[in-house]
Amino acid sequence: MKEILDILIWVGFGFLLFVFLRGFNESQVQKHKDKLDEVEKRKQEKKEEEKTV
């Protein structure tokens, strides 16, 4: 019985770790996308500024 309980606990721990890491990875990807969008927006604004000058 103890072995079964240990296996269930390890599987549950592994699942929670997997969910946490997947969520963390998605948040990092979103942060990186936002940063790239910001850089692209700055480049676009700089080009428009140069056209008007």
N, C-alpha and C. Protein backbone atom coordinates (compact mmCIF):
# COMPACT_ATOMS: atom_id res chain seq x y z
N MET A 1 0.83 -1.20 0.00
CA MET A 1 0.00 0.00 0.00
C MET A 1 0.88 1.27 0.00
N LYS A 2 1.95 1.25 0.78
CA LYS A 2 2.84 2.41 0.84
C LYS A 2 3.47 2.69 -0.52
N GLU A 3 3.84 1.65 -1.24
CA GLU A 3 4.45 1.82 -2.55
C GLU A 3 3.49 2.50 -3.52
N ILE A 4 2.24 2.10 -3.47
CA ILE A 4 1.22 2.70 -4.35
C ILE A 4 1.07 4.18 -4.01
N LEU A 5 0.99 4.47 -2.72
CA LEU A 5 0.86 5.87 -2.29
C LEU A 5 2.07 6.69 -2.71
N ASP A 6 3.28 6.13 -2.56
CA ASP A 6 4.48 6.82 -2.99
C ASP A 6 4.45 7.10 -4.49
N ILE A 7 4.02 6.14 -5.27
CA ILE A 7 3.94 6.33 -6.73
C ILE A 7 2.95 7.43 -7.07
N LEU A 8 1.80 7.42 -6.40
CA LEU A 8 0.80 8.47 -6.66
C LEU A 8 1.34 9.85 -6.30
N ILE A 9 2.05 9.95 -5.20
CA ILE A 9 2.62 11.24 -4.80
C ILE A 9 3.66 11.70 -5.81
N TRP A 10 4.54 10.81 -6.26
CA TRP A 10 5.56 11.18 -7.25
C TRP A 10 4.93 11.58 -8.57
N VAL A 11 3.90 10.87 -9.00
CA VAL A 11 3.21 11.22 -10.25
C VAL A 11 2.54 12.59 -10.11
N GLY A 12 1.91 12.83 -8.97
CA GLY A 12 1.27 14.13 -8.73
C GLY A 12 2.30 15.25 -8.71
N PHE A 13 3.43 15.02 -8.06
CA PHE A 13 4.49 16.01 -8.01
C PHE A 13 5.03 16.29 -9.42
N GLY A 14 5.25 15.22 -10.18
CA GLY A 14 5.73 15.38 -11.55
C GLY A 14 4.76 16.18 -12.40
N PHE A 15 3.47 15.90 -12.23
CA PHE A 15 2.44 16.62 -12.99
C PHE A 15 2.43 18.10 -12.63
N LEU A 16 2.48 18.40 -11.33
CA LEU A 16 2.50 19.81 -10.90
C LEU A 16 3.74 20.53 -11.42
N LEU A 17 4.87 19.86 -11.39
CA LEU A 17 6.10 20.44 -11.91
C LEU A 17 5.98 20.72 -13.41
N PHE A 18 5.42 19.77 -14.14
CA PHE A 18 5.21 19.94 -15.58
C PHE A 18 4.30 21.14 -15.87
N VAL A 19 3.20 21.24 -15.15
CA VAL A 19 2.25 22.34 -15.36
C VAL A 19 2.92 23.68 -15.03
N PHE A 20 3.66 23.73 -13.94
CA PHE A 20 4.35 24.96 -13.56
C PHE A 20 5.35 25.37 -14.63
N LEU A 21 6.19 24.44 -15.07
CA LEU A 21 7.20 24.78 -16.07
C LEU A 21 6.58 25.18 -17.39
N ARG A 22 5.50 24.53 -17.79
CA ARG A 22 4.83 24.90 -19.03
C ARG A 22 4.26 26.31 -18.94
N GLY A 23 3.62 26.62 -17.82
CA GLY A 23 3.07 27.96 -17.62
C GLY A 23 4.15 29.01 -17.57
N PHE A 24 5.25 28.70 -16.90
CA PHE A 24 6.38 29.63 -16.81
C PHE A 24 6.96 29.88 -18.20
N ASN A 25 7.10 28.83 -18.99
CA ASN A 25 7.63 28.96 -20.34
C ASN A 25 6.71 29.83 -21.20
N GLU A 26 5.40 29.61 -21.09
CA GLU A 26 4.46 30.42 -21.88
C GLU A 26 4.54 31.89 -21.48
N SER A 27 4.71 32.17 -20.18
CA SER A 27 4.80 33.56 -19.75
C SER A 27 6.10 34.20 -20.27
N GLN A 28 7.18 33.44 -20.31
CA GLN A 28 8.44 33.96 -20.84
C GLN A 28 8.33 34.22 -22.34
N VAL A 29 7.66 33.33 -23.06
CA VAL A 29 7.48 33.52 -24.50
C VAL A 29 6.65 34.77 -24.74
N GLN A 30 5.59 34.98 -23.96
CA GLN A 30 4.75 36.16 -24.13
C GLN A 30 5.55 37.42 -23.82
N LYS A 31 6.37 37.39 -22.78
CA LYS A 31 7.19 38.55 -22.44
C LYS A 31 8.16 38.88 -23.59
N HIS A 32 8.74 37.84 -24.18
CA HIS A 32 9.67 38.03 -25.28
C HIS A 32 8.95 38.59 -26.51
N LYS A 33 7.75 38.09 -26.79
CA LYS A 33 6.96 38.61 -27.93
C LYS A 33 6.64 40.08 -27.72
N ASP A 34 6.24 40.43 -26.50
CA ASP A 34 5.92 41.83 -26.20
C ASP A 34 7.14 42.72 -26.41
N LYS A 35 8.30 42.24 -26.00
CA LYS A 35 9.53 43.02 -26.17
C LYS A 35 9.85 43.20 -27.65
N LEU A 36 9.69 42.12 -28.45
CA LEU A 36 9.94 42.23 -29.89
C LEU A 36 8.96 43.19 -30.55
N ASP A 37 7.69 43.13 -30.13
CA ASP A 37 6.69 44.05 -30.67
C ASP A 37 7.05 45.50 -30.34
N GLU A 38 7.54 45.72 -29.12
CA GLU A 38 7.93 47.08 -28.71
C GLU A 38 9.10 47.58 -29.56
N VAL A 39 10.09 46.72 -29.79
CA VAL A 39 11.24 47.10 -30.60
C VAL A 39 10.80 47.41 -32.04
N GLU A 40 9.93 46.57 -32.59
CA GLU A 40 9.42 46.79 -33.94
C GLU A 40 8.64 48.10 -34.03
N LYS A 41 7.86 48.39 -33.00
CA LYS A 41 7.09 49.63 -32.97
C LYS A 41 8.02 50.85 -32.95
N ARG A 42 9.10 50.76 -32.16
CA ARG A 42 10.06 51.86 -32.11
C ARG A 42 10.73 52.07 -33.47
N LYS A 43 11.07 50.96 -34.13
CA LYS A 43 11.69 51.08 -35.46
C LYS A 43 10.72 51.75 -36.43
N GLN A 44 9.46 51.36 -36.38
CA GLN A 44 8.45 51.93 -37.27
C GLN A 44 8.28 53.42 -37.01
N GLU A 45 8.23 53.79 -35.73
CA GLU A 45 8.08 55.21 -35.38
C GLU A 45 9.30 56.00 -35.83
N LYS A 46 10.48 55.41 -35.71
CA LYS A 46 11.69 56.09 -36.14
C LYS A 46 11.69 56.31 -37.64
N LYS A 47 11.24 55.31 -38.41
CA LYS A 47 11.16 55.45 -39.87
C LYS A 47 10.18 56.54 -40.25
N GLU A 48 9.03 56.57 -39.59
CA GLU A 48 8.02 57.60 -39.88
C GLU A 48 8.55 58.99 -39.54
N GLU A 49 9.30 59.08 -38.45
CA GLU A 49 9.88 60.35 -38.04
C GLU A 49 10.89 60.83 -39.06
N GLU A 50 11.69 59.90 -39.61
CA GLU A 50 12.68 60.27 -40.60
C GLU A 50 12.01 60.72 -41.90
N LYS A 51 10.87 60.14 -42.23
CA LYS A 51 10.14 60.54 -43.45
C LYS A 51 9.62 61.97 -43.34
N THR A 52 9.19 62.35 -42.14
CA THR A 52 8.62 63.68 -41.97
C THR A 52 9.69 64.76 -41.88
N VAL A 53 10.90 64.37 -41.54
CA VAL A 53 11.98 65.36 -41.37
C VAL A 53 12.65 65.66 -42.66
